Amino acid sequence: MKNLRLSTLSPEQRPREKARKNGVESLSDRELLALVLGRGHRNMHVLQMAEELLRCLDRSKDVLPDADAIQSIHGIGHARAAMVLGALEFARRRIRPGGHRIKTAEDAFHLIKHYADRQQEHFLCISLNGANEVICTRVVSIGLLNRTQVHPREVFSDPLKDRAGAVIIAHNHPSGNVEPGSDDIETTRRLQEAGRLLGIAILDHIVFSLDRYFSFEEHRLL
């Protein structure tokens, strides 16, 4: 099979051309990773490789995932893995020193809305310090929201290590409908009770899509 390249795509599908025309902020996470990777493998289009890498990053509980996990993706060797990890570390150093402070639900939404294009529900937890500055944003689970996947121990284990003073939980609705369901409300209640016992407040639960969100705190459901 011949090597597949970005040049085989129509101009409107090419991340580089889209970035040049509309700015890098217009690209999805997958397209941004495709820019970092540069090219695909003879058996895998670069956007397919970027999709595999994105899944790997979403599954990681740490800002920098394990290099071996990245290299398990077909076509990514030591050099490419080092390049990806280097880009992530550079971004972390540039962003973290400023201390992104969450004041409103909209602030949190802008921090996480790039997860909205995922085809499955991603349940997220944002660790905050005492000044409501972001310590870390992590994916807790991937899949339908239920009691098994979103257990208090999974949600609070990393914030406890972070010595977080509070958290904001959130998840995307791939359907685009951001109204919370009964499972969302019940899960929030259970996590809120667990947070009280641990001394970590849940400041909000945000259900979001690409262009809108529902805040439990704004609707007085917390």
C-alpha atoms as a PDB file:
ATOM      1  CA  MET A   1       0.000   0.000   0.000  1.00  0.00           C
ATOM      2  CA  LYS A   2       1.420   3.367  -0.947  1.00  0.00           C
ATOM      3  CA  ASN A   3       2.266   5.940   1.672  1.00  0.00           C
ATOM      4  CA  LEU A   4      -0.753   8.098   2.543  1.00  0.00           C
ATOM      5  CA  ARG A   5      -0.065  11.794   3.013  1.00  0.00           C
ATOM      6  CA  LEU A   6      -2.013  14.941   3.811  1.00  0.00           C
ATOM      7  CA  SER A   7      -1.597  15.922   0.171  1.00  0.00           C
ATOM      8  CA  THR A   8      -4.076  13.171  -0.752  1.00  0.00           C
ATOM      9  CA  LEU A   9      -6.850  15.085   1.045  1.00  0.00           C
ATOM     10  CA  SER A  10      -8.905  17.904  -0.430  1.00  0.00           C
ATOM     11  CA  PRO A  11      -7.689  21.383   0.653  1.00  0.00           C
ATOM     12  CA  GLU A  12     -10.557  21.897   3.105  1.00  0.00           C
ATOM     13  CA  GLN A  13      -9.607  18.635   4.876  1.00  0.00           C
ATOM     14  CA  ARG A  14      -5.935  19.441   5.336  1.00  0.00           C
ATOM     15  CA  PRO A  15      -5.117  20.676   8.848  1.00  0.00           C
ATOM     16  CA  ARG A  16      -2.251  22.852   7.633  1.00  0.00           C
ATOM     17  CA  GLU A  17      -4.413  24.678   5.098  1.00  0.00           C
ATOM     18  CA  LYS A  18      -7.263  25.016   7.591  1.00  0.00           C
ATOM     19  CA  ALA A  19      -4.870  26.498  10.145  1.00  0.00           C
ATOM     20  CA  ARG A  20      -3.494  28.942   7.593  1.00  0.00           C
ATOM     21  CA  LYS A  21      -6.969  30.096   6.603  1.00  0.00           C
ATOM     22  CA  ASN A  22      -8.811  30.057   9.954  1.00  0.00           C
ATOM     23  CA  GLY A  23      -6.076  29.863  12.612  1.00  0.00           C
ATOM     24  CA  VAL A  24      -4.956  26.877  14.673  1.00  0.00           C
ATOM     25  CA  GLU A  25      -7.792  27.458  17.142  1.00  0.00           C
ATOM     26  CA  SER A  26     -10.193  26.255  14.428  1.00  0.00           C
ATOM     27  CA  LEU A  27      -8.621  22.777  14.354  1.00  0.00           C
ATOM     28  CA  SER A  28      -9.874  19.784  16.292  1.00  0.00           C
ATOM     29  CA  ASP A  29      -7.537  17.968  18.684  1.00  0.00           C
ATOM     30  CA  ARG A  30      -7.064  15.249  16.075  1.00  0.00           C
ATOM     31  CA  GLU A  31      -6.067  17.788  13.435  1.00  0.00           C
ATOM     32  CA  LEU A  32      -3.634  19.500  15.810  1.00  0.00           C
ATOM     33  CA  LEU A  33      -1.962  16.160  16.516  1.00  0.00           C
ATOM     34  CA  ALA A  34      -1.793  15.505  12.767  1.00  0.00           C
ATOM     35  CA  LEU A  35       0.190  18.739  12.428  1.00  0.00           C
ATOM     36  CA  VAL A  36       2.587  17.574  15.134  1.00  0.00           C
ATOM     37  CA  LEU A  37       2.994  14.119  13.549  1.00  0.00           C
ATOM     38  CA  GLY A  38       3.454  15.605  10.088  1.00  0.00           C
ATOM     39  CA  ARG A  39       2.872  12.465   8.062  1.00  0.00           C
ATOM     40  CA  GLY A  40       1.331   9.047   8.375  1.00  0.00           C
ATOM     41  CA  HIS A  41       2.601   5.541   7.829  1.00  0.00           C
ATOM     42  CA  ARG A  42       2.368   3.466   4.688  1.00  0.00           C
ATOM     43  CA  ASN A  43      -0.505   1.530   6.262  1.00  0.00           C
ATOM     44  CA  MET A  44      -2.111   4.400   8.170  1.00  0.00           C
ATOM     45  CA  HIS A  45      -3.245   7.875   7.157  1.00  0.00           C
ATOM     46  CA  VAL A  46      -1.839  10.633   9.367  1.00  0.00           C
ATOM     47  CA  LEU A  47      -5.322  11.548  10.604  1.00  0.00           C
ATOM     48  CA  GLN A  48      -5.918   7.918  11.548  1.00  0.00           C
ATOM     49  CA  MET A  49      -2.646   7.895  13.432  1.00  0.00           C
ATOM     50  CA  ALA A  50      -3.631  11.141  15.142  1.00  0.00           C
ATOM     51  CA  GLU A  51      -6.943   9.565  16.168  1.00  0.00           C
ATOM     52  CA  GLU A  52      -5.110   6.624  17.767  1.00  0.00           C
ATOM     53  CA  LEU A  53      -2.769   9.023  19.554  1.00  0.00           C
ATOM     54  CA  LEU A  54      -5.724  11.084  20.771  1.00  0.00           C
ATOM     55  CA  ARG A  55      -7.316   7.983  22.310  1.00  0.00           C
ATOM     56  CA  CYS A  56      -4.022   7.206  24.028  1.00  0.00           C
ATOM     57  CA  LEU A  57      -3.805  10.727  25.465  1.00  0.00           C
ATOM     58  CA  ASP A  58      -7.436  10.666  26.605  1.00  0.00           C
ATOM     59  CA  ARG A  59      -6.844   7.411  28.486  1.00  0.00           C
ATOM     60  CA  SER A  60      -3.795   8.783  30.285  1.00  0.00           C
ATOM     61  CA  LYS A  61      -4.368  10.132  33.803  1.00  0.00           C
ATOM     62  CA  ASP A  62      -1.199  12.221  33.619  1.00  0.00           C
ATOM     63  CA  VAL A  63      -0.355  15.361  31.654  1.00  0.00           C
ATOM     64  CA  LEU A  64       2.494  13.448  30.045  1.00  0.00           C
ATOM     65  CA  PRO A  65       1.538   9.883  29.135  1.00  0.00           C
ATOM     66  CA  ASP A  66       3.918   6.966  29.159  1.00  0.00           C
ATOM     67  CA  ALA A  67       6.261   6.935  26.155  1.00  0.00           C
ATOM     68  CA  ASP A  68       5.777   3.187  25.722  1.00  0.00           C
ATOM     69  CA  ALA A  69       2.025   3.705  25.372  1.00  0.00           C
ATOM     70  CA  ILE A  70       2.583   6.228  22.582  1.00  0.00           C
ATOM     71  CA  GLN A  71       5.071   3.955  20.843  1.00  0.00           C
ATOM     72  CA  SER A  72       2.530   1.131  20.864  1.00  0.00           C
ATOM     73  CA  ILE A  73       0.718   3.011  18.087  1.00  0.00           C
ATOM     74  CA  HIS A  74       1.688   1.645  14.684  1.00  0.00           C
ATOM     75  CA  GLY A  75       4.047   4.048  12.945  1.00  0.00           C
ATOM     76  CA  ILE A  76       5.167   5.964  16.058  1.00  0.00           C
ATOM     77  CA  GLY A  77       8.679   5.156  17.134  1.00  0.00           C
ATOM     78  CA  HIS A  78      11.045   6.632  19.688  1.00  0.00           C
ATOM     79  CA  ALA A  79      11.700   9.854  17.738  1.00  0.00           C
ATOM     80  CA  ARG A  80       8.032  10.641  17.150  1.00  0.00           C
ATOM     81  CA  ALA A  81       7.080   9.753  20.703  1.00  0.00           C
ATOM     82  CA  ALA A  82       9.769  12.113  21.981  1.00  0.00           C
ATOM     83  CA  MET A  83       8.460  14.849  19.659  1.00  0.00           C
ATOM     84  CA  VAL A  84       4.888  14.449  20.945  1.00  0.00           C
ATOM     85  CA  LEU A  85       5.981  14.402  24.591  1.00  0.00           C
ATOM     86  CA  GLY A  86       8.205  17.421  23.991  1.00  0.00           C
ATOM     87  CA  ALA A  87       5.303  19.382  22.468  1.00  0.00           C
ATOM     88  CA  LEU A  88       3.069  18.500  25.428  1.00  0.00           C
ATOM     89  CA  GLU A  89       5.715  19.485  27.966  1.00  0.00           C
ATOM     90  CA  PHE A  90       6.404  22.782  26.186  1.00  0.00           C
ATOM     91  CA  ALA A  91       2.671  23.595  26.201  1.00  0.00           C
ATOM     92  CA  ARG A  92       2.453  22.691  29.901  1.00  0.00           C
ATOM     93  CA  ARG A  93       5.337  24.997  30.792  1.00  0.00           C
ATOM     94  CA  ARG A  94       3.903  27.872  28.782  1.00  0.00           C
ATOM     95  CA  ILE A  95       0.364  27.582  30.136  1.00  0.00           C
ATOM     96  CA  ARG A  96       0.725  26.469  33.765  1.00  0.00           C
ATOM     97  CA  PRO A  97       2.830  29.392  35.110  1.00  0.00           C
ATOM     98  CA  GLY A  98       0.009  31.862  34.423  1.00  0.00           C
ATOM     99  CA  GLY A  99      -2.381  29.970  36.715  1.00  0.00           C
ATOM    100  CA  HIS A 100      -5.665  29.565  34.834  1.00  0.00           C
ATOM    101  CA  ARG A 101      -8.289  30.608  37.356  1.00  0.00           C
ATOM    102  CA  ILE A 102     -11.860  29.364  37.094  1.00  0.00           C
ATOM    103  CA  LYS A 103     -14.355  32.061  38.062  1.00  0.00           C
ATOM    104  CA  THR A 104     -17.434  30.981  36.130  1.00  0.00           C
ATOM    105  CA  ALA A 105     -18.878  27.924  34.403  1.00  0.00           C
ATOM    106  CA  GLU A 106     -18.011  29.560  31.101  1.00  0.00           C
ATOM    107  CA  ASP A 107     -14.329  29.640  32.115  1.00  0.00           C
ATOM    108  CA  ALA A 108     -14.440  25.886  32.703  1.00  0.00           C
ATOM    109  CA  PHE A 109     -16.342  25.278  29.466  1.00  0.00           C
ATOM    110  CA  HIS A 110     -13.660  27.024  27.401  1.00  0.00           C
ATOM    111  CA  LEU A 111     -11.027  24.880  29.120  1.00  0.00           C
ATOM    112  CA  ILE A 112     -12.688  21.569  28.205  1.00  0.00           C
ATOM    113  CA  LYS A 113     -14.850  22.189  25.131  1.00  0.00           C
ATOM    114  CA  HIS A 114     -12.261  20.622  22.815  1.00  0.00           C
ATOM    115  CA  TYR A 115     -13.457  17.262  24.195  1.00  0.00           C
ATOM    116  CA  ALA A 116     -16.910  17.881  22.705  1.00  0.00           C
ATOM    117  CA  ASP A 117     -16.049  16.342  19.334  1.00  0.00           C
ATOM    118  CA  ARG A 118     -15.430  12.900  20.861  1.00  0.00           C
ATOM    119  CA  GLN A 119     -17.831  10.203  19.678  1.00  0.00           C
ATOM    120  CA  GLN A 120     -18.183   8.785  23.200  1.00  0.00           C
ATOM    121  CA  GLU A 121     -18.945  10.470  26.484  1.00  0.00           C
ATOM    122  CA  HIS A 122     -15.775  11.562  28.289  1.00  0.00           C
ATOM    123  CA  PHE A 123     -16.127  12.202  32.011  1.00  0.00           C
ATOM    124  CA  LEU A 124     -13.606  14.823  33.156  1.00  0.00           C
ATOM    125  CA  CYS A 125     -12.360  16.066  36.487  1.00  0.00           C
ATOM    126  CA  ILE A 126     -10.635  19.434  36.908  1.00  0.00           C
ATOM    127  CA  SER A 127      -8.499  19.700  40.047  1.00  0.00           C
ATOM    128  CA  LEU A 128      -8.362  23.198  41.546  1.00  0.00           C
ATOM    129  CA  ASN A 129      -6.207  24.709  44.273  1.00  0.00           C
ATOM    130  CA  GLY A 130      -7.496  26.972  47.038  1.00  0.00           C
ATOM    131  CA  ALA A 131      -7.539  29.954  44.680  1.00  0.00           C
ATOM    132  CA  ASN A 132      -9.589  28.001  42.102  1.00  0.00           C
ATOM    133  CA  GLU A 133      -6.589  27.797  39.784  1.00  0.00           C
ATOM    134  CA  VAL A 134      -6.371  24.725  37.581  1.00  0.00           C
ATOM    135  CA  ILE A 135      -3.928  22.080  38.746  1.00  0.00           C
ATOM    136  CA  CYS A 136      -4.805  19.448  36.159  1.00  0.00           C
ATOM    137  CA  THR A 137      -7.656  18.288  33.923  1.00  0.00           C
ATOM    138  CA  ARG A 138      -8.057  14.532  33.546  1.00  0.00           C
ATOM    139  CA  VAL A 139     -10.292  12.045  31.769  1.00  0.00           C
ATOM    140  CA  VAL A 140     -11.816   9.784  34.425  1.00  0.00           C
ATOM    141  CA  SER A 141     -13.772   7.477  32.143  1.00  0.00           C
ATOM    142  CA  ILE A 142     -14.818   7.019  28.534  1.00  0.00           C
ATOM    143  CA  GLY A 143     -18.234   5.647  27.624  1.00  0.00           C
ATOM    144  CA  LEU A 144     -21.790   5.991  28.838  1.00  0.00           C
ATOM    145  CA  LEU A 145     -22.142   7.697  32.192  1.00  0.00           C
ATOM    146  CA  ASN A 146     -23.081   5.180  34.864  1.00  0.00           C
ATOM    147  CA  ARG A 147     -22.290   4.239  38.444  1.00  0.00           C
ATOM    148  CA  THR A 148     -19.705   1.631  37.492  1.00  0.00           C
ATOM    149  CA  GLN A 149     -17.503   3.926  35.415  1.00  0.00           C
ATOM    150  CA  VAL A 150     -17.842   7.063  37.522  1.00  0.00           C
ATOM    151  CA  HIS A 151     -17.098   5.719  40.987  1.00  0.00           C
ATOM    152  CA  PRO A 152     -15.990   8.196  43.686  1.00  0.00           C
ATOM    153  CA  ARG A 153     -12.624   6.462  44.087  1.00  0.00           C
ATOM    154  CA  GLU A 154     -11.870   6.995  40.379  1.00  0.00           C
ATOM    155  CA  VAL A 155     -12.947  10.623  40.474  1.00  0.00           C
ATOM    156  CA  PHE A 156     -11.171  11.681  43.666  1.00  0.00           C
ATOM    157  CA  SER A 157      -7.999   9.559  43.664  1.00  0.00           C
ATOM    158  CA  ASP A 158      -5.967  12.008  41.600  1.00  0.00           C
ATOM    159  CA  PRO A 159      -7.353  15.219  43.185  1.00  0.00           C
ATOM    160  CA  LEU A 160      -6.295  13.793  46.562  1.00  0.00           C
ATOM    161  CA  LYS A 161      -2.752  13.358  45.216  1.00  0.00           C
ATOM    162  CA  ASP A 162      -2.932  16.892  43.821  1.00  0.00           C
ATOM    163  CA  ARG A 163      -3.940  18.185  47.276  1.00  0.00           C
ATOM    164  CA  ALA A 164      -6.820  19.875  45.477  1.00  0.00           C
ATOM    165  CA  GLY A 165      -9.140  22.131  47.406  1.00  0.00           C
ATOM    166  CA  ALA A 166     -12.034  21.599  45.017  1.00  0.00           C
ATOM    167  CA  VAL A 167     -12.941  20.013  41.694  1.00  0.00           C
ATOM    168  CA  ILE A 168     -15.212  20.662  38.751  1.00  0.00           C
ATOM    169  CA  ILE A 169     -16.615  17.592  37.034  1.00  0.00           C
ATOM    170  CA  ALA A 170     -17.870  17.592  33.459  1.00  0.00           C
ATOM    171  CA  HIS A 171     -18.828  15.368  30.581  1.00  0.00           C
ATOM    172  CA  ASN A 172     -19.691  15.813  26.927  1.00  0.00           C
ATOM    173  CA  HIS A 173     -22.959  14.780  25.289  1.00  0.00           C
ATOM    174  CA  PRO A 174     -22.135  13.657  21.724  1.00  0.00           C
ATOM    175  CA  SER A 175     -25.829  14.054  20.809  1.00  0.00           C
ATOM    176  CA  GLY A 176     -25.541  17.823  21.284  1.00  0.00           C
ATOM    177  CA  ASN A 177     -28.341  17.902  23.869  1.00  0.00           C
ATOM    178  CA  VAL A 178     -26.828  19.281  27.065  1.00  0.00           C
ATOM    179  CA  GLU A 179     -29.838  18.787  29.326  1.00  0.00           C
ATOM    180  CA  PRO A 180     -28.756  16.447  32.155  1.00  0.00           C
ATOM    181  CA  GLY A 181     -30.509  13.115  32.484  1.00  0.00           C
ATOM    182  CA  SER A 182     -31.541  11.314  35.640  1.00  0.00           C
ATOM    183  CA  ASP A 183     -28.247   9.357  35.651  1.00  0.00           C
ATOM    184  CA  ASP A 184     -26.315  12.635  35.464  1.00  0.00           C
ATOM    185  CA  ILE A 185     -28.204  14.040  38.454  1.00  0.00           C
ATOM    186  CA  GLU A 186     -27.850  10.866  40.514  1.00  0.00           C
ATOM    187  CA  THR A 187     -24.130  10.552  39.741  1.00  0.00           C
ATOM    188  CA  THR A 188     -23.590  14.181  40.750  1.00  0.00           C
ATOM    189  CA  ARG A 189     -25.405  13.636  44.044  1.00  0.00           C
ATOM    190  CA  ARG A 190     -23.290  10.572  44.901  1.00  0.00           C
ATOM    191  CA  LEU A 191     -20.042  12.315  44.033  1.00  0.00           C
ATOM    192  CA  GLN A 192     -21.032  15.402  45.991  1.00  0.00           C
ATOM    193  CA  GLU A 193     -21.631  13.265  49.100  1.00  0.00           C
ATOM    194  CA  ALA A 194     -18.249  11.561  48.653  1.00  0.00           C
ATOM    195  CA  GLY A 195     -16.557  14.917  48.187  1.00  0.00           C
ATOM    196  CA  ARG A 196     -17.968  16.197  51.479  1.00  0.00           C
ATOM    197  CA  LEU A 197     -16.482  13.213  53.314  1.00  0.00           C
ATOM    198  CA  LEU A 198     -13.088  13.781  51.679  1.00  0.00           C
ATOM    199  CA  GLY A 199     -13.099  17.539  52.175  1.00  0.00           C
ATOM    200  CA  ILE A 200     -13.037  18.256  48.427  1.00  0.00           C
ATOM    201  CA  ALA A 201     -15.941  20.359  47.223  1.00  0.00           C
ATOM    202  CA  ILE A 202     -17.531  19.845  43.824  1.00  0.00           C
ATOM    203  CA  LEU A 203     -17.972  23.388  42.551  1.00  0.00           C
ATOM    204  CA  ASP A 204     -19.900  22.451  39.429  1.00  0.00           C
ATOM    205  CA  HIS A 205     -20.910  19.696  37.042  1.00  0.00           C
ATOM    206  CA  ILE A 206     -20.912  20.846  33.425  1.00  0.00           C
ATOM    207  CA  VAL A 207     -22.620  18.960  30.602  1.00  0.00           C
ATOM    208  CA  PHE A 208     -21.387  20.296  27.278  1.00  0.00           C
ATOM    209  CA  SER A 209     -21.424  20.049  23.506  1.00  0.00           C
ATOM    210  CA  LEU A 210     -19.420  21.921  20.884  1.00  0.00           C
ATOM    211  CA  ASP A 211     -21.190  25.242  21.326  1.00  0.00           C
ATOM    212  CA  ARG A 212     -23.130  25.183  24.596  1.00  0.00           C
ATOM    213  CA  TYR A 213     -23.173  23.860  28.119  1.00  0.00           C
ATOM    214  CA  PHE A 214     -25.383  23.197  31.120  1.00  0.00           C
ATOM    215  CA  SER A 215     -24.038  24.180  34.545  1.00  0.00           C
ATOM    216  CA  PHE A 216     -25.440  22.427  37.613  1.00  0.00           C
ATOM    217  CA  GLU A 217     -24.248  25.330  39.758  1.00  0.00           C
ATOM    218  CA  GLU A 218     -25.931  27.987  37.602  1.00  0.00           C
ATOM    219  CA  HIS A 219     -29.177  26.008  37.675  1.00  0.00           C
ATOM    220  CA  ARG A 220     -28.946  25.544  41.467  1.00  0.00           C
ATOM    221  CA  LEU A 221     -28.676  21.758  41.250  1.00  0.00           C
ATOM    222  CA  LEU A 222     -25.674  21.593  43.603  1.00  0.00           C
END
